[in-house]
Amino acid sequence: MASTHLSKYTLAFLIFLLSCTHEKEQKFADAPRPKGFNRIELPNASYVSLEKGHPFTFEVSSYAKVLKDSVSWAEPHWLYIYYPRWDAFIQLTYKPLNQNTKKLAALIQDAYTLASKHQGKASGIQDYVMTTKSGRKAGLIELEGEVATSFQFYTTDSTKHFLRGAVYVKTATANDSLAPIIKFLKQDAIHLIQTLEWK
């Protein structure tokens, strides 16, 4: 008799558990889920030499197109390294120095001023100096948050040449989801600096 009682209670308890589990599964199935990020497939890095005709040379991604800057105030040797796959680019502006140390100081100051214009949207800004394999120095500026450009840089030989660059991704997608692309472009920008040679 006791075992029959026990089995009735056990059976009732199991039915109760199963119904609760089913309700939870149904609630979970009906609940709104957060949107996920699209999977971004990145190619292996591959580089070619920049075309001739500039006072500098470097290796550029084989997935990019090198375009002349088309704004009305663009100077000679201002370039876009454009990545059609992501509608992204590295913008390059070049300035001859002609041994002018005041001009060099002003251009370095401009590089930091342009970066600080994104301070309103940036959650953090870090700047540091990188030494290339050949011993050349480059100033790097990284910006965190929902900013148009997350990585900027400048490099110079201090007497004749000054080159500034900025990475841009032209899309409304949040930078968190673009992180793999931004990282890829940043690596390309650093490769550009590492392989840069002045003429």
N, C-alpha and C. Protein backbone atom coordinates (compact mmCIF):
# COMPACT_ATOMS: atom_id res chain seq x y z
N MET A 1 0.84 -1.20 0.00
CA MET A 1 0.00 0.00 0.00
C MET A 1 0.87 1.25 0.00
N ALA A 2 1.90 1.23 0.83
CA ALA A 2 2.78 2.39 0.93
C ALA A 2 3.52 2.61 -0.38
N SER A 3 3.92 1.49 -1.04
CA SER A 3 4.65 1.64 -2.29
C SER A 3 3.75 2.19 -3.39
N THR A 4 2.44 1.84 -3.37
CA THR A 4 1.49 2.38 -4.35
C THR A 4 1.33 3.87 -4.14
N HIS A 5 1.23 4.27 -2.87
CA HIS A 5 1.14 5.69 -2.52
C HIS A 5 2.36 6.45 -3.02
N LEU A 6 3.50 5.83 -2.77
CA LEU A 6 4.75 6.45 -3.16
C LEU A 6 4.84 6.60 -4.67
N SER A 7 4.46 5.60 -5.40
CA SER A 7 4.54 5.68 -6.85
C SER A 7 3.58 6.70 -7.42
N LYS A 8 2.38 6.87 -6.77
CA LYS A 8 1.44 7.90 -7.23
C LYS A 8 2.04 9.29 -7.06
N TYR A 9 2.68 9.49 -5.89
CA TYR A 9 3.31 10.80 -5.64
C TYR A 9 4.50 11.03 -6.58
N THR A 10 5.26 9.98 -6.81
CA THR A 10 6.42 10.08 -7.71
C THR A 10 5.96 10.42 -9.12
N LEU A 11 4.90 9.74 -9.57
CA LEU A 11 4.35 9.99 -10.90
C LEU A 11 3.82 11.43 -11.01
N ALA A 12 3.11 11.89 -9.99
CA ALA A 12 2.56 13.25 -9.98
C ALA A 12 3.69 14.28 -10.01
N PHE A 13 4.76 14.01 -9.24
CA PHE A 13 5.89 14.92 -9.18
C PHE A 13 6.60 15.00 -10.53
N LEU A 14 6.78 13.86 -11.21
CA LEU A 14 7.41 13.83 -12.52
C LEU A 14 6.59 14.61 -13.55
N ILE A 15 5.27 14.45 -13.50
CA ILE A 15 4.39 15.18 -14.42
C ILE A 15 4.52 16.69 -14.17
N PHE A 16 4.59 17.06 -12.90
CA PHE A 16 4.74 18.47 -12.53
C PHE A 16 6.06 19.04 -13.08
N LEU A 17 7.16 18.28 -12.90
CA LEU A 17 8.47 18.71 -13.39
C LEU A 17 8.48 18.88 -14.91
N LEU A 18 7.90 17.91 -15.60
CA LEU A 18 7.87 17.96 -17.06
C LEU A 18 7.07 19.14 -17.56
N SER A 19 5.96 19.43 -16.89
CA SER A 19 5.14 20.57 -17.33
C SER A 19 5.86 21.89 -17.09
N CYS A 20 6.59 21.99 -15.97
CA CYS A 20 7.36 23.21 -15.68
C CYS A 20 8.46 23.40 -16.72
N THR A 21 9.17 22.32 -17.05
CA THR A 21 10.23 22.38 -18.04
C THR A 21 9.68 22.81 -19.39
N HIS A 22 8.54 22.26 -19.77
CA HIS A 22 7.92 22.61 -21.05
C HIS A 22 7.54 24.10 -21.08
N GLU A 23 7.00 24.59 -19.92
CA GLU A 23 6.63 26.01 -19.85
C GLU A 23 7.86 26.90 -19.99
N LYS A 24 8.95 26.53 -19.33
CA LYS A 24 10.18 27.32 -19.42
C LYS A 24 10.71 27.34 -20.84
N GLU A 25 10.68 26.15 -21.49
CA GLU A 25 11.15 26.07 -22.87
C GLU A 25 10.31 26.94 -23.78
N GLN A 26 8.97 26.93 -23.55
CA GLN A 26 8.07 27.73 -24.37
C GLN A 26 8.31 29.22 -24.15
N LYS A 27 8.51 29.61 -22.88
CA LYS A 27 8.78 31.02 -22.57
C LYS A 27 10.08 31.46 -23.23
N PHE A 28 11.11 30.59 -23.16
CA PHE A 28 12.40 30.93 -23.76
C PHE A 28 12.27 31.05 -25.28
N ALA A 29 11.48 30.16 -25.89
CA ALA A 29 11.30 30.19 -27.34
C ALA A 29 10.59 31.46 -27.79
N ASP A 30 9.66 31.96 -26.96
CA ASP A 30 8.89 33.15 -27.31
C ASP A 30 9.61 34.45 -26.95
N ALA A 31 10.63 34.37 -26.08
CA ALA A 31 11.31 35.59 -25.60
C ALA A 31 12.13 36.22 -26.73
N PRO A 32 12.15 37.57 -26.78
CA PRO A 32 13.00 38.22 -27.80
C PRO A 32 14.47 37.97 -27.48
N ARG A 33 15.25 37.74 -28.50
CA ARG A 33 16.68 37.46 -28.31
C ARG A 33 17.50 38.63 -28.82
N PRO A 34 18.65 38.89 -28.19
CA PRO A 34 19.50 39.99 -28.67
C PRO A 34 20.02 39.69 -30.06
N LYS A 35 20.18 40.75 -30.86
CA LYS A 35 20.70 40.58 -32.21
C LYS A 35 22.17 40.21 -32.14
N GLY A 36 22.56 39.25 -32.93
CA GLY A 36 23.97 38.85 -32.99
C GLY A 36 24.68 39.60 -34.10
N PHE A 37 26.00 39.57 -34.09
CA PHE A 37 26.79 40.20 -35.12
C PHE A 37 26.99 39.24 -36.29
N ASN A 38 27.00 39.76 -37.49
CA ASN A 38 27.28 38.93 -38.65
C ASN A 38 28.71 38.42 -38.58
N ARG A 39 28.90 37.20 -39.03
CA ARG A 39 30.26 36.64 -39.06
C ARG A 39 31.01 37.31 -40.21
N ILE A 40 32.19 37.84 -39.90
CA ILE A 40 32.99 38.53 -40.91
C ILE A 40 34.17 37.65 -41.28
N GLU A 41 34.20 37.23 -42.54
CA GLU A 41 35.30 36.41 -43.03
C GLU A 41 36.43 37.32 -43.50
N LEU A 42 37.60 37.15 -42.94
CA LEU A 42 38.75 37.98 -43.31
C LEU A 42 39.73 37.18 -44.15
N PRO A 43 40.28 37.80 -45.19
CA PRO A 43 41.26 37.09 -46.01
C PRO A 43 42.62 37.08 -45.32
N ASN A 44 43.51 36.24 -45.80
CA ASN A 44 44.90 36.26 -45.31
C ASN A 44 45.57 37.52 -45.85
N ALA A 45 46.41 38.14 -45.03
CA ALA A 45 47.12 39.35 -45.46
C ALA A 45 48.01 39.06 -46.66
N SER A 46 47.96 39.95 -47.64
CA SER A 46 48.76 39.81 -48.86
C SER A 46 49.09 41.21 -49.35
N TYR A 47 50.35 41.45 -49.75
CA TYR A 47 50.78 42.81 -50.07
C TYR A 47 51.51 42.89 -51.41
N VAL A 48 51.42 44.09 -52.00
CA VAL A 48 52.16 44.40 -53.23
C VAL A 48 52.81 45.78 -53.04
N SER A 49 53.79 46.10 -53.86
CA SER A 49 54.46 47.40 -53.75
C SER A 49 53.58 48.50 -54.32
N LEU A 50 53.63 49.67 -53.70
CA LEU A 50 52.91 50.84 -54.19
C LEU A 50 53.46 51.22 -55.56
N GLU A 51 52.56 51.67 -56.44
CA GLU A 51 53.00 52.12 -57.77
C GLU A 51 53.99 53.27 -57.64
N LYS A 52 54.82 53.45 -58.66
CA LYS A 52 55.84 54.51 -58.63
C LYS A 52 55.18 55.88 -58.86
N GLY A 53 55.97 56.92 -58.67
CA GLY A 53 55.48 58.27 -58.92
C GLY A 53 55.21 59.08 -57.67
N HIS A 54 55.57 58.55 -56.50
CA HIS A 54 55.38 59.26 -55.23
C HIS A 54 56.73 59.43 -54.54
N PRO A 55 56.82 60.40 -53.62
CA PRO A 55 58.10 60.58 -52.90
C PRO A 55 58.29 59.55 -51.78
N PHE A 56 57.51 58.51 -51.79
CA PHE A 56 57.59 57.44 -50.81
C PHE A 56 57.14 56.15 -51.49
N THR A 57 57.48 55.04 -50.86
CA THR A 57 57.00 53.74 -51.31
C THR A 57 56.72 52.89 -50.08
N PHE A 58 55.82 51.95 -50.21
CA PHE A 58 55.50 51.04 -49.12
C PHE A 58 54.72 49.87 -49.72
N GLU A 59 54.47 48.86 -48.92
CA GLU A 59 53.66 47.74 -49.37
C GLU A 59 52.21 47.98 -48.98
N VAL A 60 51.32 47.73 -49.94
CA VAL A 60 49.89 47.98 -49.75
C VAL A 60 49.14 46.66 -49.95
N SER A 61 48.01 46.53 -49.30
CA SER A 61 47.23 45.29 -49.38
C SER A 61 46.81 45.00 -50.82
N SER A 62 46.91 43.74 -51.21
CA SER A 62 46.48 43.35 -52.56
C SER A 62 44.95 43.37 -52.68
N TYR A 63 44.23 43.51 -51.55
CA TYR A 63 42.77 43.58 -51.57
C TYR A 63 42.26 45.01 -51.70
N ALA A 64 43.20 45.96 -51.75
CA ALA A 64 42.82 47.38 -51.78
C ALA A 64 43.15 48.01 -53.13
N LYS A 65 42.47 49.12 -53.40
CA LYS A 65 42.77 49.93 -54.58
C LYS A 65 43.38 51.24 -54.10
N VAL A 66 44.45 51.68 -54.74
CA VAL A 66 45.07 52.95 -54.38
C VAL A 66 44.46 54.03 -55.28
N LEU A 67 43.78 55.01 -54.65
CA LEU A 67 43.09 56.07 -55.39
C LEU A 67 43.64 57.43 -54.99
N LYS A 68 43.65 58.37 -55.91
CA LYS A 68 44.03 59.75 -55.57
C LYS A 68 42.92 60.39 -54.77
N ASP A 69 43.30 61.18 -53.78
CA ASP A 69 42.31 61.93 -53.01
C ASP A 69 41.65 62.94 -53.94
N SER A 70 40.32 62.94 -53.98
CA SER A 70 39.60 63.75 -54.96
C SER A 70 39.00 65.04 -54.40
N VAL A 71 39.25 65.36 -53.12
CA VAL A 71 38.70 66.62 -52.57
C VAL A 71 39.39 67.80 -53.25
N SER A 72 38.70 68.92 -53.31
CA SER A 72 39.21 70.07 -54.06
C SER A 72 40.52 70.62 -53.50
N TRP A 73 40.76 70.44 -52.20
CA TRP A 73 41.98 70.99 -51.58
C TRP A 73 43.10 69.93 -51.47
N ALA A 74 42.88 68.78 -52.09
CA ALA A 74 43.89 67.71 -52.01
C ALA A 74 45.20 68.16 -52.65
N GLU A 75 46.29 67.79 -52.03
CA GLU A 75 47.62 68.10 -52.54
C GLU A 75 48.19 66.88 -53.25
N PRO A 76 49.26 67.09 -54.03
CA PRO A 76 49.88 65.93 -54.70
C PRO A 76 50.26 64.86 -53.68
N HIS A 77 50.07 63.62 -54.04
CA HIS A 77 50.45 62.45 -53.25
C HIS A 77 49.54 62.21 -52.04
N TRP A 78 48.35 62.82 -52.03
CA TRP A 78 47.34 62.46 -51.05
C TRP A 78 46.58 61.27 -51.64
N LEU A 79 46.45 60.21 -50.86
CA LEU A 79 45.90 58.95 -51.39
C LEU A 79 44.84 58.35 -50.47
N TYR A 80 43.99 57.54 -51.09
CA TYR A 80 43.09 56.65 -50.37
C TYR A 80 43.49 55.21 -50.70
N ILE A 81 43.71 54.42 -49.68
CA ILE A 81 43.88 52.98 -49.88
C ILE A 81 42.51 52.39 -49.57
N TYR A 82 41.77 52.10 -50.63
CA TYR A 82 40.35 51.77 -50.52
C TYR A 82 40.12 50.25 -50.56
N TYR A 83 39.31 49.77 -49.61
CA TYR A 83 38.96 48.35 -49.51
C TYR A 83 37.49 48.19 -49.92
N PRO A 84 37.23 47.84 -51.19
CA PRO A 84 35.84 47.76 -51.68
C PRO A 84 34.98 46.76 -50.90
N ARG A 85 35.60 45.69 -50.44
CA ARG A 85 34.86 44.64 -49.75
C ARG A 85 34.11 45.17 -48.53
N TRP A 86 34.71 46.16 -47.83
CA TRP A 86 34.10 46.67 -46.60
C TRP A 86 33.74 48.15 -46.68
N ASP A 87 33.94 48.77 -47.83
CA ASP A 87 33.74 50.21 -47.98
C ASP A 87 34.54 50.95 -46.90
N ALA A 88 35.80 50.59 -46.80
CA ALA A 88 36.70 51.16 -45.79
C ALA A 88 37.95 51.66 -46.49
N PHE A 89 38.68 52.55 -45.82
CA PHE A 89 39.89 53.07 -46.44
C PHE A 89 40.88 53.59 -45.41
N ILE A 90 42.14 53.67 -45.85
CA ILE A 90 43.18 54.36 -45.09
C ILE A 90 43.47 55.64 -45.88
N GLN A 91 43.25 56.77 -45.26
CA GLN A 91 43.48 58.06 -45.92
C GLN A 91 44.91 58.51 -45.60
N LEU A 92 45.65 58.88 -46.64
CA LEU A 92 47.03 59.33 -46.46
C LEU A 92 47.19 60.76 -46.95
N THR A 93 47.80 61.61 -46.13
CA THR A 93 48.14 62.97 -46.56
C THR A 93 49.65 63.15 -46.40
N TYR A 94 50.26 63.65 -47.45
CA TYR A 94 51.72 63.83 -47.48
C TYR A 94 52.05 65.31 -47.55
N LYS A 95 53.08 65.71 -46.80
CA LYS A 95 53.57 67.10 -46.84
C LYS A 95 55.09 67.10 -46.96
N PRO A 96 55.62 67.85 -47.93
CA PRO A 96 57.08 68.03 -47.98
C PRO A 96 57.50 69.02 -46.90
N LEU A 97 58.62 68.80 -46.27
CA LEU A 97 59.06 69.66 -45.16
C LEU A 97 60.07 70.73 -45.59
N ASN A 98 60.91 70.42 -46.55
CA ASN A 98 61.93 71.37 -47.02
C ASN A 98 62.78 71.92 -45.87
N GLN A 99 63.20 71.04 -44.98
CA GLN A 99 64.07 71.39 -43.84
C GLN A 99 63.42 72.37 -42.85
N ASN A 100 62.11 72.53 -42.89
CA ASN A 100 61.41 73.51 -42.06
C ASN A 100 60.95 72.86 -40.75
N THR A 101 61.69 73.11 -39.66
CA THR A 101 61.37 72.48 -38.37
C THR A 101 60.08 73.02 -37.77
N LYS A 102 59.76 74.31 -38.05
CA LYS A 102 58.49 74.87 -37.55
C LYS A 102 57.30 74.20 -38.23
N LYS A 103 57.44 73.94 -39.51
CA LYS A 103 56.38 73.25 -40.25
C LYS A 103 56.18 71.84 -39.70
N LEU A 104 57.27 71.15 -39.40
CA LEU A 104 57.19 69.81 -38.83
C LEU A 104 56.45 69.84 -37.50
N ALA A 105 56.80 70.77 -36.63
CA ALA A 105 56.14 70.87 -35.32
C ALA A 105 54.65 71.14 -35.48
N ALA A 106 54.30 72.01 -36.44
CA ALA A 106 52.89 72.33 -36.69
C ALA A 106 52.13 71.12 -37.21
N LEU A 107 52.75 70.33 -38.09
CA LEU A 107 52.09 69.15 -38.65
C LEU A 107 51.87 68.08 -37.58
N ILE A 108 52.83 67.90 -36.69
CA ILE A 108 52.65 66.94 -35.59
C ILE A 108 51.52 67.40 -34.68
N GLN A 109 51.49 68.71 -34.39
CA GLN A 109 50.41 69.25 -33.56
C GLN A 109 49.05 69.05 -34.24
N ASP A 110 49.00 69.27 -35.56
CA ASP A 110 47.76 69.07 -36.32
C ASP A 110 47.28 67.62 -36.23
N ALA A 111 48.21 66.68 -36.26
CA ALA A 111 47.85 65.26 -36.19
C ALA A 111 47.10 64.97 -34.89
N TYR A 112 47.57 65.54 -33.77
CA TYR A 112 46.90 65.33 -32.49
C TYR A 112 45.61 66.14 -32.39
N THR A 113 45.59 67.32 -33.00
CA THR A 113 44.37 68.14 -33.01
C THR A 113 43.26 67.43 -33.77
N LEU A 114 43.58 66.87 -34.94
CA LEU A 114 42.59 66.15 -35.74
C LEU A 114 42.06 64.93 -34.99
N ALA A 115 42.94 64.23 -34.30
CA ALA A 115 42.50 63.07 -33.52
C ALA A 115 41.59 63.49 -32.37
N SER A 116 41.91 64.62 -31.72
CA SER A 116 41.12 65.05 -30.56
C SER A 116 39.72 65.53 -30.94
N LYS A 117 39.49 65.81 -32.24
CA LYS A 117 38.15 66.20 -32.69
C LYS A 117 37.13 65.07 -32.51
N HIS A 118 37.63 63.85 -32.37
CA HIS A 118 36.75 62.69 -32.16
C HIS A 118 36.54 62.40 -30.67
N GLN A 119 37.11 63.27 -29.80
CA GLN A 119 37.08 63.01 -28.37
C GLN A 119 35.66 62.96 -27.81
N GLY A 120 34.73 63.72 -28.41
CA GLY A 120 33.35 63.73 -27.93
C GLY A 120 32.70 62.36 -28.00
N LYS A 121 33.00 61.60 -29.05
CA LYS A 121 32.40 60.27 -29.21
C LYS A 121 33.31 59.15 -28.72
N ALA A 122 34.58 59.42 -28.58
CA ALA A 122 35.54 58.38 -28.17
C ALA A 122 35.40 58.08 -26.69
N SER A 123 35.47 56.79 -26.35
CA SER A 123 35.44 56.40 -24.94
C SER A 123 36.86 56.36 -24.37
N GLY A 124 37.84 56.49 -25.25
CA GLY A 124 39.23 56.52 -24.80
C GLY A 124 40.16 56.82 -25.96
N ILE A 125 41.25 57.54 -25.68
CA ILE A 125 42.26 57.84 -26.70
C ILE A 125 43.63 57.51 -26.11
N GLN A 126 44.41 56.76 -26.86
CA GLN A 126 45.78 56.43 -26.44
C GLN A 126 46.73 56.80 -27.56
N ASP A 127 47.85 57.40 -27.20
CA ASP A 127 48.86 57.67 -28.21
C ASP A 127 50.21 57.15 -27.72
N TYR A 128 50.98 56.65 -28.65
CA TYR A 128 52.30 56.12 -28.31
C TYR A 128 53.19 56.17 -29.54
N VAL A 129 54.47 55.96 -29.31
CA VAL A 129 55.45 56.00 -30.39
C VAL A 129 55.90 54.58 -30.69
N MET A 130 55.89 54.23 -31.97
CA MET A 130 56.35 52.92 -32.42
C MET A 130 57.70 53.09 -33.11
N THR A 131 58.61 52.17 -32.87
CA THR A 131 59.89 52.14 -33.59
C THR A 131 59.82 51.03 -34.61
N THR A 132 60.05 51.37 -35.87
CA THR A 132 59.97 50.37 -36.94
C THR A 132 61.23 49.49 -36.94
N LYS A 133 61.19 48.44 -37.76
CA LYS A 133 62.34 47.53 -37.86
C LYS A 133 63.60 48.26 -38.32
N SER A 134 63.40 49.31 -39.12
CA SER A 134 64.56 50.07 -39.63
C SER A 134 64.98 51.21 -38.69
N GLY A 135 64.31 51.33 -37.54
CA GLY A 135 64.67 52.36 -36.56
C GLY A 135 63.91 53.66 -36.71
N ARG A 136 62.98 53.74 -37.68
CA ARG A 136 62.18 54.95 -37.87
C ARG A 136 61.10 55.04 -36.79
N LYS A 137 60.78 56.25 -36.37
CA LYS A 137 59.74 56.46 -35.36
C LYS A 137 58.42 56.81 -36.05
N ALA A 138 57.32 56.36 -35.44
CA ALA A 138 55.98 56.71 -35.94
C ALA A 138 55.09 56.96 -34.74
N GLY A 139 54.30 58.03 -34.80
CA GLY A 139 53.33 58.32 -33.76
C GLY A 139 52.02 57.62 -34.08
N LEU A 140 51.48 56.84 -33.13
CA LEU A 140 50.22 56.11 -33.31
C LEU A 140 49.19 56.64 -32.34
N ILE A 141 47.96 56.78 -32.82
CA ILE A 141 46.85 57.25 -31.98
C ILE A 141 45.69 56.28 -32.16
N GLU A 142 45.25 55.66 -31.07
CA GLU A 142 44.12 54.74 -31.11
C GLU A 142 42.94 55.34 -30.37
N LEU A 143 41.76 55.26 -31.00
CA LEU A 143 40.54 55.81 -30.43
C LEU A 143 39.54 54.68 -30.22
N GLU A 144 38.94 54.63 -29.04
CA GLU A 144 37.96 53.59 -28.73
C GLU A 144 36.56 54.18 -28.75
N GLY A 145 35.56 53.34 -29.02
CA GLY A 145 34.17 53.78 -29.03
C GLY A 145 33.63 53.94 -30.44
N GLU A 146 32.46 54.56 -30.54
CA GLU A 146 31.77 54.73 -31.83
C GLU A 146 32.31 55.96 -32.55
N VAL A 147 33.51 55.83 -33.08
CA VAL A 147 34.17 56.94 -33.77
C VAL A 147 34.36 56.59 -35.25
N ALA A 148 34.46 57.62 -36.08
CA ALA A 148 34.62 57.40 -37.53
C ALA A 148 35.98 56.79 -37.85
N THR A 149 36.98 57.19 -37.11
CA THR A 149 38.33 56.67 -37.32
C THR A 149 38.87 56.15 -36.00
N SER A 150 39.28 54.90 -35.97
CA SER A 150 39.73 54.30 -34.72
C SER A 150 41.25 54.21 -34.62
N PHE A 151 41.95 54.51 -35.73
CA PHE A 151 43.40 54.41 -35.72
C PHE A 151 43.99 55.47 -36.64
N GLN A 152 44.93 56.26 -36.10
CA GLN A 152 45.60 57.29 -36.88
C GLN A 152 47.10 57.20 -36.62
N PHE A 153 47.88 57.72 -37.54
CA PHE A 153 49.33 57.65 -37.37
C PHE A 153 50.00 58.77 -38.17
N TYR A 154 51.25 59.03 -37.83
CA TYR A 154 52.09 59.91 -38.63
C TYR A 154 53.53 59.42 -38.53
N THR A 155 54.30 59.70 -39.56
CA THR A 155 55.71 59.36 -39.55
C THR A 155 56.47 60.37 -40.41
N THR A 156 57.74 60.56 -40.12
CA THR A 156 58.53 61.60 -40.77
C THR A 156 60.00 61.26 -40.71
N ASP A 157 60.78 61.83 -41.63
CA ASP A 157 62.23 61.71 -41.53
C ASP A 157 62.82 62.97 -40.88
N SER A 158 61.93 63.89 -40.45
CA SER A 158 62.28 65.12 -39.72
C SER A 158 62.84 66.25 -40.58
N THR A 159 63.16 65.96 -41.83
CA THR A 159 63.75 67.03 -42.65
C THR A 159 63.04 67.25 -43.98
N LYS A 160 62.66 66.16 -44.66
CA LYS A 160 62.08 66.30 -46.00
C LYS A 160 60.63 65.83 -46.13
N HIS A 161 60.23 64.83 -45.35
CA HIS A 161 58.94 64.17 -45.58
C HIS A 161 58.11 64.06 -44.31
N PHE A 162 56.77 64.17 -44.50
CA PHE A 162 55.82 63.94 -43.40
C PHE A 162 54.60 63.24 -44.00
N LEU A 163 54.22 62.11 -43.41
CA LEU A 163 53.07 61.35 -43.89
C LEU A 163 52.13 61.07 -42.72
N ARG A 164 50.86 61.40 -42.92
CA ARG A 164 49.85 61.14 -41.89
C ARG A 164 48.79 60.20 -42.47
N GLY A 165 48.27 59.29 -41.65
CA GLY A 165 47.24 58.35 -42.10
C GLY A 165 46.14 58.18 -41.08
N ALA A 166 44.95 57.81 -41.57
CA ALA A 166 43.81 57.55 -40.70
C ALA A 166 42.96 56.43 -41.31
N VAL A 167 42.53 55.50 -40.46
CA VAL A 167 41.70 54.37 -40.89
C VAL A 167 40.23 54.74 -40.72
N TYR A 168 39.43 54.56 -41.78
CA TYR A 168 37.99 54.85 -41.75
C TYR A 168 37.20 53.64 -42.25
N VAL A 169 36.09 53.35 -41.57
CA VAL A 169 35.14 52.35 -42.05
C VAL A 169 33.81 53.07 -42.23
N LYS A 170 33.35 53.20 -43.50
CA LYS A 170 32.15 53.97 -43.81
C LYS A 170 30.90 53.10 -43.71
N THR A 171 30.43 52.89 -42.49
CA THR A 171 29.22 52.10 -42.29
C THR A 171 28.59 52.49 -40.97
N ALA A 172 27.27 52.25 -40.86
CA ALA A 172 26.55 52.60 -39.63
C ALA A 172 26.64 51.49 -38.59
N THR A 173 27.25 50.36 -38.92
CA THR A 173 27.36 49.25 -37.99
C THR A 173 28.21 49.64 -36.79
N ALA A 174 27.83 49.15 -35.61
CA ALA A 174 28.57 49.47 -34.39
C ALA A 174 30.00 48.97 -34.48
N ASN A 175 30.93 49.73 -33.89
CA ASN A 175 32.34 49.39 -33.98
C ASN A 175 32.66 48.04 -33.33
N ASP A 176 31.84 47.61 -32.34
CA ASP A 176 32.07 46.30 -31.72
C ASP A 176 31.99 45.20 -32.77
N SER A 177 31.00 45.30 -33.66
CA SER A 177 30.83 44.27 -34.67
C SER A 177 31.84 44.41 -35.80
N LEU A 178 32.42 45.61 -35.94
CA LEU A 178 33.42 45.85 -36.98
C LEU A 178 34.84 45.57 -36.49
N ALA A 179 34.97 45.15 -35.25
CA ALA A 179 36.30 44.97 -34.65
C ALA A 179 37.25 44.13 -35.50
N PRO A 180 36.80 43.02 -36.11
CA PRO A 180 37.75 42.25 -36.95
C PRO A 180 38.26 43.05 -38.15
N ILE A 181 37.36 43.83 -38.78
CA ILE A 181 37.77 44.64 -39.94
C ILE A 181 38.73 45.73 -39.50
N ILE A 182 38.40 46.41 -38.40
CA ILE A 182 39.25 47.49 -37.89
C ILE A 182 40.64 46.94 -37.55
N LYS A 183 40.68 45.76 -36.93
CA LYS A 183 41.96 45.13 -36.59
C LYS A 183 42.75 44.82 -37.86
N PHE A 184 42.08 44.32 -38.90
CA PHE A 184 42.72 43.99 -40.18
C PHE A 184 43.32 45.25 -40.80
N LEU A 185 42.54 46.35 -40.81
CA LEU A 185 43.01 47.61 -41.39
C LEU A 185 44.17 48.19 -40.58
N LYS A 186 44.08 48.07 -39.27
CA LYS A 186 45.16 48.57 -38.41
C LYS A 186 46.46 47.81 -38.71
N GLN A 187 46.35 46.48 -38.88
CA GLN A 187 47.55 45.69 -39.21
C GLN A 187 48.12 46.12 -40.56
N ASP A 188 47.23 46.42 -41.52
CA ASP A 188 47.71 46.90 -42.82
C ASP A 188 48.41 48.25 -42.69
N ALA A 189 47.85 49.13 -41.84
CA ALA A 189 48.46 50.45 -41.63
C ALA A 189 49.84 50.30 -40.99
N ILE A 190 49.96 49.40 -40.03
CA ILE A 190 51.26 49.18 -39.38
C ILE A 190 52.25 48.56 -40.38
N HIS A 191 51.75 47.67 -41.23
CA HIS A 191 52.62 47.08 -42.27
C HIS A 191 53.10 48.18 -43.22
N LEU A 192 52.21 49.11 -43.56
CA LEU A 192 52.57 50.26 -44.40
C LEU A 192 53.73 51.03 -43.76
N ILE A 193 53.59 51.33 -42.46
CA ILE A 193 54.64 52.09 -41.76
C ILE A 193 55.95 51.29 -41.73
N GLN A 194 55.85 50.00 -41.46
CA GLN A 194 57.05 49.16 -41.37
C GLN A 194 57.80 49.07 -42.69
N THR A 195 57.07 49.14 -43.80
CA THR A 195 57.72 48.97 -45.11
C THR A 195 57.95 50.31 -45.84
N LEU A 196 57.59 51.42 -45.19
CA LEU A 196 57.73 52.74 -45.80
C LEU A 196 59.20 53.09 -46.04
N GLU A 197 59.45 53.61 -47.22
CA GLU A 197 60.78 54.15 -47.55
C GLU A 197 60.58 55.47 -48.27
N TRP A 198 61.37 56.47 -47.89
CA TRP A 198 61.32 57.78 -48.54
C TRP A 198 62.19 57.77 -49.78
N LYS A 199 61.84 58.60 -50.75
CA LYS A 199 62.66 58.74 -51.97
C LYS A 199 63.34 60.09 -51.98
